[in-house]
Amino acid sequence: MTAVSIRNLPEETHRALKIRAAQHNRSTEAEMRAILEAAVRPVGRLLLGTTLADMSRRIGLTNTDVEALLDQTRDRTPAEPLRF
């Protein structure tokens, strides 16, 4: 896991983080991780894979349909070797 240092954090902010962490029964470090996680990965974010799977189910698309489409469009010509 990556370590991050935060420089020049005002003392008031650090104190507020410590209080907030205590309210959530966590360490200050765990509280900062939770805050950062919530900021960059919000609960209501769009999950592309889930959205595409839901759309496929709604229109009745199956794995067999996708495989058939891929077989029709796949380029079957042999690859040319690279020349250096």
N, C-alpha and C. Protein backbone atom coordinates (compact mmCIF):
# COMPACT_ATOMS: atom_id res chain seq x y z
N MET A 1 0.83 -1.17 0.00
CA MET A 1 0.00 0.00 0.00
C MET A 1 0.89 1.24 0.00
N THR A 2 0.41 2.31 -0.57
CA THR A 2 1.16 3.54 -0.68
C THR A 2 1.04 4.36 0.59
N ALA A 3 2.12 5.00 0.96
CA ALA A 3 2.12 5.92 2.11
C ALA A 3 2.09 7.35 1.58
N VAL A 4 1.36 8.21 2.27
CA VAL A 4 1.23 9.61 1.87
C VAL A 4 1.54 10.48 3.08
N SER A 5 2.31 11.53 2.87
CA SER A 5 2.58 12.51 3.92
C SER A 5 1.87 13.80 3.56
N ILE A 6 1.27 14.42 4.56
CA ILE A 6 0.60 15.71 4.35
C ILE A 6 1.37 16.76 5.14
N ARG A 7 1.99 17.66 4.42
CA ARG A 7 2.79 18.69 5.05
C ARG A 7 1.95 19.94 5.28
N ASN A 8 2.36 20.72 6.24
CA ASN A 8 1.77 22.04 6.52
C ASN A 8 0.27 21.97 6.83
N LEU A 9 -0.16 20.90 7.47
CA LEU A 9 -1.55 20.78 7.89
C LEU A 9 -1.76 21.68 9.11
N PRO A 10 -2.69 22.60 9.05
CA PRO A 10 -2.90 23.48 10.20
C PRO A 10 -3.26 22.69 11.45
N GLU A 11 -2.79 23.15 12.58
CA GLU A 11 -3.03 22.48 13.85
C GLU A 11 -4.53 22.34 14.13
N GLU A 12 -5.31 23.35 13.76
CA GLU A 12 -6.77 23.30 13.97
C GLU A 12 -7.39 22.15 13.17
N THR A 13 -6.90 21.96 11.95
CA THR A 13 -7.41 20.88 11.10
C THR A 13 -7.05 19.53 11.69
N HIS A 14 -5.83 19.40 12.17
CA HIS A 14 -5.40 18.15 12.78
C HIS A 14 -6.23 17.84 14.03
N ARG A 15 -6.48 18.86 14.81
CA ARG A 15 -7.29 18.69 16.02
C ARG A 15 -8.72 18.26 15.64
N ALA A 16 -9.28 18.89 14.61
CA ALA A 16 -10.63 18.53 14.16
C ALA A 16 -10.67 17.09 13.63
N LEU A 17 -9.61 16.67 12.95
CA LEU A 17 -9.52 15.29 12.47
C LEU A 17 -9.49 14.31 13.64
N LYS A 18 -8.74 14.65 14.67
CA LYS A 18 -8.65 13.78 15.84
C LYS A 18 -10.01 13.65 16.52
N ILE A 19 -10.74 14.75 16.60
CA ILE A 19 -12.07 14.72 17.22
C ILE A 19 -13.03 13.88 16.37
N ARG A 20 -12.99 14.11 15.06
CA ARG A 20 -13.86 13.35 14.16
C ARG A 20 -13.54 11.86 14.22
N ALA A 21 -12.25 11.52 14.29
CA ALA A 21 -11.84 10.12 14.38
C ALA A 21 -12.37 9.50 15.67
N ALA A 22 -12.28 10.22 16.76
CA ALA A 22 -12.77 9.70 18.04
C ALA A 22 -14.28 9.47 17.98
N GLN A 23 -15.00 10.35 17.31
CA GLN A 23 -16.45 10.19 17.17
C GLN A 23 -16.81 8.94 16.38
N HIS A 24 -15.94 8.53 15.47
CA HIS A 24 -16.17 7.34 14.65
C HIS A 24 -15.42 6.11 15.19
N ASN A 25 -14.84 6.25 16.39
CA ASN A 25 -14.08 5.15 17.01
C ASN A 25 -12.97 4.62 16.10
N ARG A 26 -12.22 5.55 15.50
CA ARG A 26 -11.11 5.19 14.63
C ARG A 26 -9.89 6.00 15.02
N SER A 27 -8.75 5.56 14.52
CA SER A 27 -7.54 6.36 14.67
C SER A 27 -7.62 7.54 13.71
N THR A 28 -6.78 8.54 13.96
CA THR A 28 -6.75 9.70 13.06
C THR A 28 -6.36 9.27 11.65
N GLU A 29 -5.41 8.37 11.56
CA GLU A 29 -4.98 7.87 10.25
C GLU A 29 -6.12 7.14 9.53
N ALA A 30 -6.86 6.31 10.24
CA ALA A 30 -7.99 5.59 9.64
C ALA A 30 -9.08 6.58 9.20
N GLU A 31 -9.27 7.63 9.98
CA GLU A 31 -10.26 8.65 9.62
C GLU A 31 -9.86 9.37 8.33
N MET A 32 -8.58 9.69 8.21
CA MET A 32 -8.10 10.35 6.99
C MET A 32 -8.28 9.43 5.78
N ARG A 33 -8.00 8.13 5.95
CA ARG A 33 -8.22 7.18 4.85
C ARG A 33 -9.68 7.15 4.45
N ALA A 34 -10.58 7.13 5.43
CA ALA A 34 -12.02 7.10 5.14
C ALA A 34 -12.46 8.36 4.41
N ILE A 35 -11.96 9.50 4.83
CA ILE A 35 -12.31 10.77 4.18
C ILE A 35 -11.83 10.78 2.74
N LEU A 36 -10.59 10.38 2.52
CA LEU A 36 -10.04 10.36 1.15
C LEU A 36 -10.80 9.37 0.28
N GLU A 37 -11.09 8.19 0.81
CA GLU A 37 -11.83 7.17 0.05
C GLU A 37 -13.21 7.69 -0.35
N ALA A 38 -13.91 8.32 0.56
CA ALA A 38 -15.24 8.86 0.27
C ALA A 38 -15.17 9.98 -0.77
N ALA A 39 -14.09 10.74 -0.75
CA ALA A 39 -13.95 11.86 -1.68
C ALA A 39 -13.69 11.39 -3.11
N VAL A 40 -12.88 10.36 -3.26
CA VAL A 40 -12.50 9.96 -4.62
C VAL A 40 -13.31 8.77 -5.14
N ARG A 41 -13.99 8.06 -4.25
CA ARG A 41 -14.81 6.92 -4.67
C ARG A 41 -16.18 7.00 -4.02
N PRO A 42 -16.99 7.98 -4.43
CA PRO A 42 -18.29 8.16 -3.79
C PRO A 42 -19.20 6.94 -4.01
N VAL A 43 -20.09 6.72 -3.06
CA VAL A 43 -20.97 5.56 -3.09
C VAL A 43 -21.85 5.56 -4.33
N GLY A 44 -22.35 6.70 -4.75
CA GLY A 44 -23.28 6.77 -5.88
C GLY A 44 -22.61 6.88 -7.23
N ARG A 45 -21.32 6.56 -7.33
CA ARG A 45 -20.64 6.75 -8.60
C ARG A 45 -21.12 5.73 -9.64
N LEU A 46 -20.97 6.09 -10.89
CA LEU A 46 -21.37 5.22 -11.99
C LEU A 46 -20.33 4.11 -12.15
N LEU A 47 -20.80 2.88 -12.10
CA LEU A 47 -19.94 1.72 -12.32
C LEU A 47 -20.21 1.22 -13.73
N LEU A 48 -19.28 1.44 -14.63
CA LEU A 48 -19.48 1.17 -16.04
C LEU A 48 -19.85 -0.28 -16.32
N GLY A 49 -19.12 -1.21 -15.74
CA GLY A 49 -19.39 -2.63 -15.98
C GLY A 49 -20.78 -3.03 -15.51
N THR A 50 -21.16 -2.57 -14.33
CA THR A 50 -22.49 -2.86 -13.80
C THR A 50 -23.57 -2.25 -14.67
N THR A 51 -23.36 -1.03 -15.13
CA THR A 51 -24.33 -0.36 -15.98
C THR A 51 -24.51 -1.09 -17.30
N LEU A 52 -23.41 -1.51 -17.91
CA LEU A 52 -23.50 -2.24 -19.18
C LEU A 52 -24.19 -3.59 -19.00
N ALA A 53 -23.90 -4.28 -17.91
CA ALA A 53 -24.55 -5.56 -17.64
C ALA A 53 -26.05 -5.37 -17.43
N ASP A 54 -26.45 -4.32 -16.71
CA ASP A 54 -27.87 -4.03 -16.51
C ASP A 54 -28.57 -3.74 -17.84
N MET A 55 -27.92 -2.95 -18.68
CA MET A 55 -28.51 -2.62 -19.99
C MET A 55 -28.67 -3.89 -20.83
N SER A 56 -27.68 -4.76 -20.80
CA SER A 56 -27.74 -6.00 -21.57
C SER A 56 -28.89 -6.88 -21.10
N ARG A 57 -29.06 -6.98 -19.78
CA ARG A 57 -30.16 -7.78 -19.23
C ARG A 57 -31.51 -7.21 -19.65
N ARG A 58 -31.63 -5.89 -19.60
CA ARG A 58 -32.92 -5.26 -19.95
C ARG A 58 -33.33 -5.54 -21.40
N ILE A 59 -32.35 -5.57 -22.31
CA ILE A 59 -32.70 -5.81 -23.72
C ILE A 59 -32.66 -7.29 -24.08
N GLY A 60 -32.30 -8.14 -23.11
CA GLY A 60 -32.31 -9.57 -23.34
C GLY A 60 -31.09 -10.12 -24.03
N LEU A 61 -29.98 -9.40 -23.98
CA LEU A 61 -28.74 -9.84 -24.62
C LEU A 61 -28.09 -10.92 -23.76
N THR A 62 -27.66 -12.00 -24.40
CA THR A 62 -27.02 -13.10 -23.67
C THR A 62 -25.55 -13.21 -24.07
N ASN A 63 -24.81 -14.02 -23.33
CA ASN A 63 -23.40 -14.25 -23.66
C ASN A 63 -23.27 -14.89 -25.04
N THR A 64 -24.20 -15.76 -25.39
CA THR A 64 -24.18 -16.41 -26.70
C THR A 64 -24.31 -15.37 -27.81
N ASP A 65 -25.20 -14.38 -27.60
CA ASP A 65 -25.35 -13.31 -28.59
C ASP A 65 -24.04 -12.55 -28.78
N VAL A 66 -23.38 -12.22 -27.70
CA VAL A 66 -22.12 -11.47 -27.77
C VAL A 66 -21.05 -12.30 -28.46
N GLU A 67 -20.95 -13.59 -28.10
CA GLU A 67 -19.96 -14.46 -28.72
C GLU A 67 -20.18 -14.57 -30.22
N ALA A 68 -21.45 -14.69 -30.64
CA ALA A 68 -21.76 -14.79 -32.07
C ALA A 68 -21.36 -13.51 -32.79
N LEU A 69 -21.63 -12.37 -32.18
CA LEU A 69 -21.27 -11.09 -32.79
C LEU A 69 -19.75 -10.96 -32.91
N LEU A 70 -19.05 -11.36 -31.88
CA LEU A 70 -17.58 -11.30 -31.93
C LEU A 70 -17.03 -12.22 -33.01
N ASP A 71 -17.61 -13.41 -33.15
CA ASP A 71 -17.16 -14.34 -34.18
C ASP A 71 -17.37 -13.76 -35.57
N GLN A 72 -18.47 -13.03 -35.77
CA GLN A 72 -18.77 -12.43 -37.08
C GLN A 72 -17.80 -11.30 -37.43
N THR A 73 -17.37 -10.55 -36.43
CA THR A 73 -16.56 -9.36 -36.70
C THR A 73 -15.07 -9.58 -36.51
N ARG A 74 -14.67 -10.72 -35.98
CA ARG A 74 -13.26 -10.98 -35.70
C ARG A 74 -12.47 -11.13 -37.00
N ASP A 75 -11.36 -10.45 -37.07
CA ASP A 75 -10.47 -10.54 -38.22
C ASP A 75 -9.65 -11.82 -38.08
N ARG A 76 -9.79 -12.73 -39.01
CA ARG A 76 -9.12 -14.02 -38.90
C ARG A 76 -7.85 -14.12 -39.75
N THR A 77 -7.42 -13.00 -40.34
CA THR A 77 -6.19 -13.05 -41.12
C THR A 77 -5.00 -13.16 -40.16
N PRO A 78 -4.02 -13.98 -40.52
CA PRO A 78 -2.87 -14.15 -39.63
C PRO A 78 -2.11 -12.83 -39.45
N ALA A 79 -1.57 -12.66 -38.29
CA ALA A 79 -0.81 -11.44 -38.00
C ALA A 79 0.52 -11.49 -38.71
N GLU A 80 0.96 -10.33 -39.15
CA GLU A 80 2.28 -10.22 -39.78
C GLU A 80 3.33 -10.06 -38.69
N PRO A 81 4.43 -10.80 -38.79
CA PRO A 81 5.50 -10.62 -37.79
C PRO A 81 6.13 -9.24 -37.90
N LEU A 82 6.61 -8.72 -36.79
CA LEU A 82 7.26 -7.41 -36.79
C LEU A 82 8.60 -7.48 -37.49
N ARG A 83 8.92 -6.42 -38.19
CA ARG A 83 10.23 -6.35 -38.86
C ARG A 83 11.00 -5.21 -38.22
N PHE A 84 12.17 -5.53 -37.74
CA PHE A 84 13.01 -4.52 -37.07
C PHE A 84 14.11 -4.05 -37.98
